[in-house]
Amino acid sequence: MPITSAILRVAQQHPERLAIAGEGRALTYAALVEQSRRTFAVVDELHAPLAARTGEAPGAAPEPGAAPRPAPETGGIPISAISVDSAFAAARFVASLAGYRAVSATIDPRWPLEHRVGVVLATGIGLIVSDSADLAAALAERDWGGTILTLDEFEDRERRAHPAPPPAARPGDEAFLLLFSSGTTSRPKAFLKTRRQYRENVAVSSAHLEPLPGVVTLAPGPVSYSLTLYAVIECLATGGSVHVADAFDPFAVAGRVRDAGVTRVVAVPAVVQALTDAARRDPGAFARLELVVTGGANLPAAIRDGLARVLPRVRLISYYGAAEIGFIGDSRGGDGTTISVYPGIEVSVRDAAGAPVRGGAAGTLWVRAAACSDGYLAGTADEVLQGAGGWATVHDQARVVDGGLELLGRAGDVAVTGGHKVSLQEVDRAFAGAPGIAAAVAVALPHDALGSVVALVVEPEAGAAPDREALAALAAERLAPQFAPRRWYALQPLPRTVGGKVRRAEAAERVLDGSAVRL
């Protein structure tokens, strides 16, 4: 279902239905269509200097201060980015441009400055809406020739703009979204999504994750996260309503869920835990909630069990996917590490030579899906996404067990110690919910004889003191001997991404540099 066709149809049939809401602002479907005409009018005008470069030879370097040339993978379509804290502004920016010849991107303003500057220069972004003074100054120093406006300046131009023609469904092979694989701790890899690829993704999520017409979804979190951005797009593509939030406020969420009639929540596992805590204080506010959809990180069984105790009628689906590839499968019980692969999605677990593994052995997961992107933009990565036959990998590790796909994390989440492959995520899960432990992460430390040794780094709960003997006893109870940590450390707090996910590699670095306390 093309997103623009759905928006136009709902705007005609149900003009007053809410499309996007957040931060005290809202747009109905009819208002979104009218807003999009002004948004594109401004974007089109600001990209006009690009027309002067259309006659240049492909690959020609711009003169200092010249208008940027978009990455060749866009087919010459200019790229517009928004990098603001406002989830509502980011959501409606992307939605407004979806029905025009435009590529939009959301850049997390909390990324390191060098990463934000890097993706702008490497991809040829020509227009940025950002309130970050440091970004504007850094781009000026690099003689970037594009346009950067604050959110207030951009919205003022929208109010004064002569509306562009109405949006319309665009060709399926046309790029319309520029996404990024990371950006918090490593150089972001950029990739494009065509309209056809996103339509294929919507077809999968519509069949399994229930973004149905008229459903009211709450998707808190930055729209620069692929999970939140996709929730916005799938809701609009299926005629639903989406509520966004700059940050998850556990004290305000109960009132928002109740007052907005939210029946579906899409959020990362850490937010699901906070949602459970809010429901424990005010369960009546969640009487209409039917479904929680989570992804983006491992779902500890303790979070699923906690939600079930507080809101037993609410279903929880933990999905697995990759922004580059699309939705792959989901789990509806346990800790979300063993999933059922969706119909139409093909998976293959392979060794380092690319041959399929046998007997349930661990290996690299390859996926073939119609929603998969063609590859990373050459200016941002040398890595190949797709191999022969349309098979793609983001280097997640997995194994097939009893017909299910067991997820082991990225390549860096698997350690080799004494000849054994150890899933560090499996070690993490063994300590989920342990008394006195707010969070725990397993890391691999170098070892002369074993190659590496597994260590556990714990973040104690307030006022708690980790007990090494108790942790070792828990490891002996829950883990095979070769998986049990050999060393134990405490670190307060554990390093996390802006989304709350523990950064394993940085935790290991903190152990090696002496920042963590050995137990």
Protein backbone atom coordinates (compact mmCIF):
# COMPACT_ATOMS: atom_id res chain seq x y z
CA MET A 1 0.00 0.00 0.00
CA PRO A 2 1.67 3.28 -1.08
CA ILE A 3 1.73 5.63 1.89
CA THR A 4 0.58 8.63 -0.17
CA SER A 5 -2.38 6.79 -1.68
CA ALA A 6 -3.49 5.81 1.81
CA ILE A 7 -3.11 9.34 3.16
CA LEU A 8 -5.09 10.83 0.27
CA ARG A 9 -7.84 8.22 0.58
CA VAL A 10 -8.26 8.73 4.33
CA ALA A 11 -8.11 12.50 3.90
CA GLN A 12 -11.05 12.25 1.51
CA GLN A 13 -13.10 9.65 3.38
CA HIS A 14 -12.25 10.59 6.99
CA PRO A 15 -10.72 14.08 6.81
CA GLU A 16 -10.89 14.70 10.56
CA ARG A 17 -9.18 11.44 11.54
CA LEU A 18 -6.00 12.13 13.47
CA ALA A 19 -2.82 11.38 11.53
CA ILE A 20 0.06 12.52 13.79
CA ALA A 21 0.02 13.98 17.31
CA GLY A 22 2.71 15.04 19.74
CA GLU A 23 4.01 17.87 21.92
CA GLY A 24 0.61 19.53 22.07
CA ARG A 25 0.38 19.63 18.27
CA ALA A 26 -1.65 17.47 15.91
CA LEU A 27 -2.49 17.02 12.25
CA THR A 28 -5.58 15.37 10.84
CA TYR A 29 -5.26 13.54 7.55
CA ALA A 30 -6.80 16.47 5.69
CA ALA A 31 -4.46 18.92 7.42
CA LEU A 32 -1.47 16.69 6.67
CA VAL A 33 -2.23 16.81 2.95
CA GLU A 34 -2.42 20.61 3.02
CA GLN A 35 0.69 20.85 5.19
CA SER A 36 2.64 18.68 2.78
CA ARG A 37 2.01 21.14 -0.04
CA ARG A 38 3.69 23.94 1.91
CA THR A 39 6.52 21.74 3.17
CA PHE A 40 7.45 20.63 -0.32
CA ALA A 41 7.12 24.16 -1.70
CA VAL A 42 9.81 25.33 0.72
CA VAL A 43 12.02 22.30 0.15
CA ASP A 44 11.75 22.61 -3.63
CA GLU A 45 12.66 26.29 -3.55
CA LEU A 46 15.68 25.74 -1.30
CA HIS A 47 16.99 22.95 -3.49
CA ALA A 48 16.74 25.12 -6.63
CA PRO A 49 20.53 25.80 -6.74
CA LEU A 50 21.01 22.09 -7.48
CA ALA A 51 19.54 22.68 -10.93
CA ALA A 52 22.67 24.62 -11.87
CA ARG A 53 24.75 21.46 -11.38
CA THR A 54 22.70 19.04 -13.46
CA GLY A 55 24.93 19.48 -16.49
CA GLU A 56 28.13 18.52 -14.67
CA ALA A 57 29.83 15.22 -15.33
CA PRO A 58 28.92 12.49 -12.84
CA GLY A 59 31.33 12.47 -9.91
CA ALA A 60 32.47 16.04 -10.48
CA ALA A 61 33.62 17.55 -7.20
CA PRO A 62 31.72 20.68 -6.17
CA GLU A 63 33.54 23.94 -5.84
CA PRO A 64 33.85 25.15 -2.22
CA GLY A 65 30.51 26.60 -1.21
CA ALA A 66 28.67 25.12 -4.21
CA ALA A 67 25.34 23.38 -3.77
CA PRO A 68 25.88 19.73 -2.79
CA ARG A 69 25.26 16.99 -5.32
CA PRO A 70 23.09 14.20 -3.85
CA ALA A 71 24.62 10.72 -3.73
CA PRO A 72 24.34 9.11 -7.19
CA GLU A 73 22.25 6.28 -5.72
CA THR A 74 19.31 8.71 -5.39
CA GLY A 75 19.07 9.12 -9.16
CA GLY A 76 19.50 12.87 -8.82
CA ILE A 77 16.70 13.38 -6.27
CA PRO A 78 17.77 16.01 -3.71
CA ILE A 79 18.04 14.97 -0.06
CA SER A 80 16.45 16.95 2.77
CA ALA A 81 17.23 16.12 6.41
CA ILE A 82 15.76 17.06 9.76
CA SER A 83 17.80 16.89 12.94
CA VAL A 84 15.72 18.18 15.83
CA ASP A 85 14.56 17.00 19.24
CA SER A 86 10.89 17.39 18.26
CA ALA A 87 9.46 13.99 17.34
CA PHE A 88 6.33 15.62 15.97
CA ALA A 89 8.31 17.95 13.67
CA ALA A 90 10.44 15.07 12.38
CA ALA A 91 7.44 12.80 11.80
CA ARG A 92 5.41 15.33 9.88
CA PHE A 93 8.49 16.41 7.85
CA VAL A 94 8.99 12.88 6.54
CA ALA A 95 5.26 12.29 6.02
CA SER A 96 4.87 15.59 4.18
CA LEU A 97 7.61 14.80 1.67
CA ALA A 98 6.48 11.22 1.00
CA GLY A 99 4.19 12.23 -1.85
CA TYR A 100 6.77 14.19 -3.83
CA ARG A 101 10.01 13.67 -5.71
CA ALA A 102 12.14 14.01 -2.59
CA VAL A 103 14.40 11.97 -0.36
CA SER A 104 14.12 12.69 3.36
CA ALA A 105 16.36 11.73 6.25
CA THR A 106 16.24 12.04 10.03
CA ILE A 107 19.59 12.64 11.74
CA ASP A 108 19.79 12.17 15.50
CA PRO A 109 20.90 15.51 17.01
CA ARG A 110 22.57 13.54 19.84
CA TRP A 111 25.05 11.88 17.51
CA PRO A 112 28.65 13.08 17.86
CA LEU A 113 29.19 16.19 15.77
CA GLU A 114 31.73 14.46 13.51
CA HIS A 115 29.15 11.81 12.62
CA ARG A 116 26.47 14.37 11.78
CA VAL A 117 28.86 16.35 9.62
CA GLY A 118 30.18 13.18 8.03
CA VAL A 119 26.81 11.89 6.81
CA VAL A 120 25.83 15.29 5.43
CA LEU A 121 29.01 15.57 3.37
CA ALA A 122 29.16 11.91 2.33
CA THR A 123 25.56 11.67 1.10
CA GLY A 124 25.15 15.10 -0.48
CA ILE A 125 22.35 16.31 1.77
CA GLY A 126 21.46 19.76 0.48
CA LEU A 127 18.96 21.00 3.08
CA ILE A 128 18.95 20.53 6.85
CA VAL A 129 16.45 21.63 9.45
CA SER A 130 18.38 21.76 12.71
CA ASP A 131 18.57 23.83 15.87
CA SER A 132 22.17 22.72 16.52
CA ALA A 133 24.48 25.72 16.30
CA ASP A 134 27.51 23.43 16.36
CA LEU A 135 26.34 21.63 13.22
CA ALA A 136 25.83 24.88 11.31
CA ALA A 137 29.26 26.14 12.33
CA ALA A 138 31.03 22.87 11.47
CA LEU A 139 29.42 22.69 8.04
CA ALA A 140 30.36 26.29 7.32
CA GLU A 141 33.98 25.46 8.18
CA ARG A 142 33.86 22.65 5.63
CA ASP A 143 32.52 24.96 2.87
CA TRP A 144 29.31 22.97 2.60
CA GLY A 145 27.13 24.79 0.11
CA GLY A 146 23.73 23.62 1.25
CA THR A 147 21.08 25.37 3.34
CA ILE A 148 20.58 24.93 7.08
CA LEU A 149 17.58 26.47 8.86
CA THR A 150 16.33 26.29 12.41
CA LEU A 151 12.97 24.64 12.92
CA ASP A 152 11.37 28.02 13.60
CA GLU A 153 12.85 29.47 10.40
CA PHE A 154 11.65 26.53 8.34
CA GLU A 155 8.13 26.65 9.77
CA ASP A 156 7.97 30.40 9.17
CA ARG A 157 8.82 29.81 5.51
CA GLU A 158 6.09 27.16 5.35
CA ARG A 159 3.49 29.59 6.62
CA ARG A 160 4.44 32.12 3.93
CA ALA A 161 4.89 29.62 1.08
CA HIS A 162 2.63 29.35 -1.95
CA PRO A 163 1.37 25.73 -1.79
CA ALA A 164 2.82 23.21 -4.23
CA PRO A 165 0.48 20.90 -6.20
CA PRO A 166 -1.11 18.14 -4.09
CA PRO A 167 0.98 15.05 -3.28
CA ALA A 168 0.57 11.96 -5.42
CA ALA A 169 1.68 8.32 -5.47
CA ARG A 170 5.16 8.02 -6.92
CA PRO A 171 6.92 5.23 -8.91
CA GLY A 172 7.89 2.21 -6.86
CA ASP A 173 11.56 2.24 -7.86
CA GLU A 174 12.03 5.84 -6.71
CA ALA A 175 14.09 6.43 -3.54
CA PHE A 176 12.30 8.36 -0.82
CA LEU A 177 14.06 7.63 2.50
CA LEU A 178 17.69 7.85 3.51
CA LEU A 179 18.39 5.81 6.64
CA PHE A 180 21.46 5.11 8.77
CA SER A 181 22.67 1.94 10.43
CA SER A 182 24.10 3.53 13.57
CA GLY A 183 25.87 6.69 14.66
CA THR A 184 26.25 6.56 18.43
CA THR A 185 29.64 4.84 18.62
CA SER A 186 30.67 4.06 15.04
CA ARG A 187 30.64 5.78 11.68
CA PRO A 188 27.08 5.62 10.32
CA LYS A 189 26.43 3.61 7.16
CA ALA A 190 23.75 5.18 4.94
CA PHE A 191 21.30 3.31 2.74
CA LEU A 192 18.22 4.18 0.73
CA LYS A 193 14.74 2.73 0.74
CA THR A 194 12.67 2.84 -2.41
CA ARG A 195 8.92 3.17 -2.23
CA ARG A 196 8.47 -0.41 -3.41
CA GLN A 197 10.76 -1.72 -0.68
CA TYR A 198 8.78 0.12 1.98
CA ARG A 199 5.51 -1.11 0.50
CA GLU A 200 6.83 -4.66 0.83
CA ASN A 201 7.77 -3.95 4.44
CA VAL A 202 4.32 -2.55 5.21
CA ALA A 203 2.79 -5.67 3.71
CA VAL A 204 4.74 -7.82 6.18
CA SER A 205 4.08 -5.70 9.26
CA SER A 206 0.40 -5.29 8.38
CA ALA A 207 0.04 -9.07 8.29
CA HIS A 208 1.71 -9.68 11.65
CA LEU A 209 2.04 -6.54 13.80
CA GLU A 210 -1.52 -5.17 13.44
CA PRO A 211 -1.17 -1.52 12.34
CA LEU A 212 -4.81 -1.61 11.26
CA PRO A 213 -7.05 1.18 9.89
CA GLY A 214 -8.22 3.48 12.67
CA VAL A 215 -5.92 1.94 15.29
CA VAL A 216 -4.36 4.48 17.65
CA THR A 217 -0.67 3.78 18.21
CA LEU A 218 1.75 5.37 20.67
CA ALA A 219 5.35 5.33 19.40
CA PRO A 220 7.51 7.23 21.89
CA GLY A 221 11.15 7.87 21.09
CA PRO A 222 13.22 9.80 18.56
CA VAL A 223 12.00 9.52 14.97
CA SER A 224 15.65 9.10 14.00
CA TYR A 225 15.28 5.55 15.37
CA SER A 226 14.21 3.22 12.59
CA LEU A 227 11.71 1.56 14.97
CA THR A 228 9.88 4.83 15.63
CA LEU A 229 10.17 6.12 12.07
CA TYR A 230 8.75 2.91 10.68
CA ALA A 231 5.89 2.99 13.20
CA VAL A 232 4.95 6.45 11.91
CA ILE A 233 5.03 5.34 8.28
CA GLU A 234 3.16 2.06 8.78
CA CYS A 235 0.39 3.81 10.74
CA LEU A 236 -0.13 6.38 7.98
CA ALA A 237 0.14 3.73 5.25
CA THR A 238 -2.69 1.75 6.87
CA GLY A 239 -4.95 4.63 7.86
CA GLY A 240 -4.16 4.65 11.57
CA SER A 241 -3.25 7.42 14.00
CA VAL A 242 0.19 7.74 15.59
CA HIS A 243 1.13 9.59 18.75
CA VAL A 244 4.83 10.43 19.08
CA ALA A 245 6.86 11.81 21.97
CA ASP A 246 10.25 13.44 22.32
CA ALA A 247 10.99 11.17 25.26
CA PHE A 248 9.12 8.57 27.25
CA ASP A 249 7.69 10.11 30.42
CA PRO A 250 6.58 7.28 32.75
CA PHE A 251 4.53 9.69 34.85
CA ALA A 252 2.58 11.18 31.94
CA VAL A 253 2.12 8.06 29.83
CA ALA A 254 -0.91 6.74 31.71
CA GLY A 255 -2.89 9.91 31.05
CA ARG A 256 -1.86 9.99 27.41
CA VAL A 257 -2.79 6.35 26.79
CA ARG A 258 -6.16 6.87 28.48
CA ASP A 259 -7.03 10.25 26.95
CA ALA A 260 -5.91 9.40 23.40
CA GLY A 261 -7.58 5.97 23.38
CA VAL A 262 -4.29 4.22 22.61
CA THR A 263 -4.75 0.51 21.85
CA ARG A 264 -1.26 -0.25 20.50
CA VAL A 265 2.24 0.75 21.64
CA VAL A 266 5.44 0.37 19.61
CA ALA A 267 8.59 0.82 21.68
CA VAL A 268 12.01 -0.54 22.60
CA PRO A 269 12.15 -3.02 25.54
CA ALA A 270 13.39 -0.41 28.02
CA VAL A 271 10.22 1.61 27.39
CA VAL A 272 8.07 -1.51 27.82
CA GLN A 273 9.54 -1.86 31.31
CA ALA A 274 8.66 1.76 32.10
CA LEU A 275 5.19 1.22 30.66
CA THR A 276 4.73 -1.73 33.03
CA ASP A 277 5.77 0.42 35.98
CA ALA A 278 3.25 3.09 34.96
CA ALA A 279 0.49 0.49 34.58
CA ARG A 280 1.27 -0.84 38.04
CA ARG A 281 0.53 2.62 39.47
CA ASP A 282 -2.59 3.24 37.37
CA PRO A 283 -3.85 0.06 35.66
CA GLY A 284 -7.21 1.61 34.81
CA ALA A 285 -5.58 4.05 32.39
CA PHE A 286 -4.51 1.10 30.22
CA ALA A 287 -7.94 -0.54 29.99
CA ARG A 288 -8.11 -0.06 26.21
CA LEU A 289 -4.54 -1.13 25.48
CA GLU A 290 -4.50 -4.37 23.49
CA LEU A 291 -1.03 -4.83 22.01
CA VAL A 292 2.58 -3.90 22.71
CA VAL A 293 5.06 -4.33 19.85
CA THR A 294 8.73 -4.19 20.70
CA GLY A 295 11.98 -4.47 18.80
CA GLY A 296 15.39 -2.92 18.40
CA ALA A 297 16.99 -4.84 21.26
CA ASN A 298 16.81 -8.13 23.13
CA LEU A 299 13.62 -8.52 25.20
CA PRO A 300 14.41 -10.01 28.63
CA ALA A 301 11.83 -12.56 29.74
CA ALA A 302 11.45 -10.58 32.97
CA ILE A 303 9.98 -7.64 31.01
CA ARG A 304 7.46 -9.89 29.25
CA ASP A 305 6.49 -11.55 32.53
CA GLY A 306 6.18 -8.21 34.31
CA LEU A 307 3.81 -6.82 31.67
CA ALA A 308 1.72 -10.01 31.78
CA ARG A 309 1.32 -9.75 35.55
CA VAL A 310 0.19 -6.12 35.48
CA LEU A 311 -1.82 -6.16 32.22
CA PRO A 312 -2.74 -9.82 31.59
CA ARG A 313 -5.04 -9.01 28.65
CA VAL A 314 -2.35 -7.12 26.71
CA ARG A 315 -0.47 -9.13 24.09
CA LEU A 316 3.25 -8.57 23.51
CA ILE A 317 5.00 -9.23 20.20
CA SER A 318 8.79 -9.01 20.07
CA TYR A 319 9.85 -8.67 16.45
CA TYR A 320 13.23 -9.08 14.84
CA GLY A 321 14.42 -7.24 11.78
CA ALA A 322 17.08 -4.95 10.40
CA ALA A 323 16.43 -1.52 8.96
CA GLU A 324 18.44 -2.45 5.86
CA ILE A 325 16.52 -5.70 5.30
CA GLY A 326 13.06 -5.27 6.84
CA PHE A 327 10.95 -7.39 9.17
CA ILE A 328 12.17 -10.98 9.49
CA GLY A 329 10.12 -12.67 12.21
CA ASP A 330 8.81 -12.41 15.74
CA SER A 331 8.45 -14.09 19.11
CA ARG A 332 5.27 -14.19 21.16
CA GLY A 333 6.66 -15.87 24.27
CA GLY A 334 9.86 -16.13 26.27
CA ASP A 335 12.72 -13.70 25.87
CA GLY A 336 12.39 -13.04 22.15
CA THR A 337 15.64 -14.74 21.13
CA THR A 338 13.97 -17.65 19.32
CA ILE A 339 11.71 -16.36 16.59
CA SER A 340 9.34 -17.68 13.97
CA VAL A 341 10.34 -16.42 10.54
CA TYR A 342 7.55 -14.71 8.62
CA PRO A 343 6.12 -16.37 5.50
CA GLY A 344 7.85 -15.11 2.37
CA ILE A 345 11.10 -14.36 4.21
CA GLU A 346 13.98 -16.77 3.53
CA VAL A 347 16.85 -17.30 5.99
CA SER A 348 20.15 -19.16 5.79
CA VAL A 349 22.80 -19.60 8.52
CA ARG A 350 26.30 -19.77 6.99
CA ASP A 351 29.90 -20.19 8.04
CA ALA A 352 32.75 -17.78 7.32
CA ALA A 353 33.20 -19.29 3.85
CA GLY A 354 29.54 -18.71 2.99
CA ALA A 355 28.50 -22.38 3.20
CA PRO A 356 25.33 -23.36 5.11
CA VAL A 357 26.09 -24.72 8.59
CA ARG A 358 24.65 -28.02 9.79
CA GLY A 359 23.41 -29.53 13.02
CA GLY A 360 22.23 -26.34 14.64
CA ALA A 361 25.69 -24.77 14.64
CA ALA A 362 26.05 -21.02 14.98
CA GLY A 363 26.88 -18.86 12.00
CA THR A 364 26.11 -15.64 10.17
CA LEU A 365 22.48 -15.05 9.29
CA TRP A 366 21.66 -14.29 5.65
CA VAL A 367 18.18 -13.17 4.64
CA ARG A 368 16.33 -12.82 1.34
CA ALA A 369 13.42 -10.39 1.54
CA ALA A 370 11.64 -8.17 -0.98
CA ALA A 371 11.96 -5.18 1.38
CA CYS A 372 15.77 -5.30 1.44
CA SER A 373 17.70 -2.20 0.41
CA ASP A 374 20.01 -2.45 -2.57
CA GLY A 375 23.14 -1.60 -0.58
CA TYR A 376 25.02 1.02 1.40
CA LEU A 377 25.83 4.36 -0.18
CA ALA A 378 29.35 4.19 -1.52
CA GLY A 379 30.30 7.41 0.23
CA THR A 380 29.60 5.97 3.67
CA ALA A 381 30.73 2.32 3.58
CA ASP A 382 32.78 -0.16 1.60
CA GLU A 383 30.77 -3.02 3.09
CA VAL A 384 28.50 -5.06 0.82
CA LEU A 385 24.93 -5.58 2.04
CA GLN A 386 23.64 -7.95 -0.64
CA GLY A 387 25.46 -10.94 -2.04
CA ALA A 388 24.56 -13.32 -4.84
CA GLY A 389 20.91 -14.07 -5.46
CA GLY A 390 19.60 -11.17 -3.39
CA TRP A 391 20.77 -12.66 -0.08
CA ALA A 392 21.78 -9.99 2.45
CA THR A 393 23.41 -9.88 5.87
CA VAL A 394 24.03 -7.31 8.60
CA HIS A 395 26.29 -9.90 10.26
CA ASP A 396 23.89 -11.01 12.97
CA GLN A 397 24.75 -14.42 14.38
CA ALA A 398 22.13 -17.15 14.71
CA ARG A 399 21.43 -20.86 14.69
CA VAL A 400 18.40 -22.98 13.80
CA VAL A 401 16.99 -24.91 16.76
CA ASP A 402 13.89 -27.14 16.46
CA GLY A 403 12.70 -25.17 13.43
CA GLY A 404 13.03 -21.79 15.15
CA LEU A 405 15.68 -19.17 14.52
CA GLU A 406 17.72 -18.47 17.66
CA LEU A 407 19.38 -15.05 17.61
CA LEU A 408 22.87 -14.69 19.08
CA GLY A 409 23.56 -11.02 18.39
CA ARG A 410 26.03 -9.31 16.09
CA ALA A 411 29.43 -10.74 15.32
CA GLY A 412 30.84 -8.77 18.28
CA ASP A 413 28.31 -10.49 20.54
CA VAL A 414 29.91 -13.91 20.03
CA ALA A 415 33.17 -14.74 21.81
CA VAL A 416 35.52 -17.64 21.15
CA THR A 417 37.04 -18.92 24.38
CA GLY A 418 39.03 -22.12 24.58
CA GLY A 419 37.63 -23.22 21.21
CA HIS A 420 33.99 -22.68 22.27
CA LYS A 421 31.69 -20.13 20.64
CA VAL A 422 29.87 -18.28 23.40
CA SER A 423 26.83 -16.08 22.79
CA LEU A 424 27.39 -13.07 25.03
CA GLN A 425 23.70 -12.22 24.77
CA GLU A 426 22.88 -15.61 26.25
CA VAL A 427 25.15 -14.80 29.19
CA ASP A 428 23.42 -11.41 29.56
CA ARG A 429 20.03 -13.10 29.77
CA ALA A 430 21.16 -15.45 32.53
CA PHE A 431 21.54 -12.49 34.87
CA ALA A 432 18.39 -10.56 33.89
CA GLY A 433 16.38 -9.83 37.01
CA ALA A 434 19.11 -10.97 39.41
CA PRO A 435 18.70 -9.42 42.88
CA GLY A 436 20.60 -6.18 43.33
CA ILE A 437 21.50 -5.92 39.64
CA ALA A 438 20.03 -3.10 37.56
CA ALA A 439 21.70 -4.37 34.39
CA ALA A 440 24.47 -6.73 33.33
CA VAL A 441 26.50 -7.17 30.17
CA ALA A 442 28.93 -9.93 29.26
CA VAL A 443 32.15 -8.97 27.50
CA ALA A 444 35.09 -10.84 25.99
CA LEU A 445 38.51 -9.93 27.38
CA PRO A 446 41.80 -10.98 25.77
CA HIS A 447 43.46 -14.07 27.28
CA ASP A 448 46.87 -15.51 26.31
CA ALA A 449 45.86 -19.18 26.59
CA LEU A 450 42.14 -19.18 25.75
CA GLY A 451 42.08 -16.42 23.15
CA SER A 452 39.45 -14.60 25.17
CA VAL A 453 37.73 -15.01 28.49
CA VAL A 454 34.12 -14.13 29.32
CA ALA A 455 33.62 -11.48 32.01
CA LEU A 456 30.41 -10.03 33.45
CA VAL A 457 30.07 -6.31 34.11
CA VAL A 458 27.15 -5.40 36.38
CA GLU A 459 25.46 -2.13 37.19
CA PRO A 460 24.27 -2.42 40.81
CA GLU A 461 20.87 -1.22 41.88
CA ALA A 462 20.89 1.84 44.12
CA GLY A 463 22.19 0.88 47.54
CA ALA A 464 23.06 -2.69 46.50
CA ALA A 465 26.49 -4.31 46.61
CA PRO A 466 27.14 -7.07 44.04
CA ASP A 467 28.05 -10.41 45.58
CA ARG A 468 30.57 -12.33 43.48
CA GLU A 469 29.74 -15.70 45.03
CA ALA A 470 26.01 -15.22 44.45
CA LEU A 471 26.64 -14.27 40.82
CA ALA A 472 28.89 -17.30 40.31
CA ALA A 473 26.23 -19.57 41.81
CA LEU A 474 23.62 -18.11 39.46
CA ALA A 475 25.94 -18.70 36.52
CA ALA A 476 26.45 -22.34 37.53
CA GLU A 477 22.67 -22.79 37.76
CA ARG A 478 21.73 -21.16 34.45
CA LEU A 479 24.71 -21.56 32.12
CA ALA A 480 26.80 -24.34 30.64
CA PRO A 481 30.33 -24.33 32.14
CA GLN A 482 31.95 -22.92 29.00
CA PHE A 483 29.48 -19.99 29.05
CA ALA A 484 30.03 -19.04 32.71
CA PRO A 485 31.95 -15.81 33.27
CA ARG A 486 35.48 -16.18 34.61
CA ARG A 487 35.78 -12.60 35.85
CA TRP A 488 33.35 -10.19 37.50
CA TYR A 489 33.22 -6.39 37.55
CA ALA A 490 30.97 -3.56 38.72
CA LEU A 491 30.51 -0.32 36.78
CA GLN A 492 28.14 2.50 37.73
CA PRO A 493 26.57 3.31 35.36
CA LEU A 494 27.02 1.02 32.38
CA PRO A 495 27.59 2.92 29.11
CA ARG A 496 24.41 3.17 27.05
CA THR A 497 23.21 4.46 23.71
CA VAL A 498 20.79 7.39 23.64
CA GLY A 499 18.03 4.76 23.41
CA GLY A 500 19.12 3.06 26.64
CA LYS A 501 20.80 0.01 25.09
CA VAL A 502 23.99 -1.08 26.89
CA ARG A 503 27.10 -0.59 24.74
CA ARG A 504 28.99 -3.86 25.04
CA ALA A 505 32.19 -2.73 23.32
CA GLU A 506 32.51 0.37 25.47
CA ALA A 507 31.86 -1.67 28.63
CA ALA A 508 34.79 -3.90 27.66
CA GLU A 509 36.95 -0.81 27.09
CA ARG A 510 36.03 0.49 30.54
CA VAL A 511 37.15 -2.79 32.07
CA LEU A 512 40.46 -2.73 30.22
CA ASP A 513 41.21 0.89 31.12
CA GLY A 514 40.57 0.22 34.81
CA SER A 515 37.33 2.18 35.15
CA ALA A 516 35.38 -0.87 36.39
CA VAL A 517 35.83 -2.35 39.87
CA ARG A 518 36.81 -6.00 39.96
CA LEU A 519 34.69 -8.08 42.33
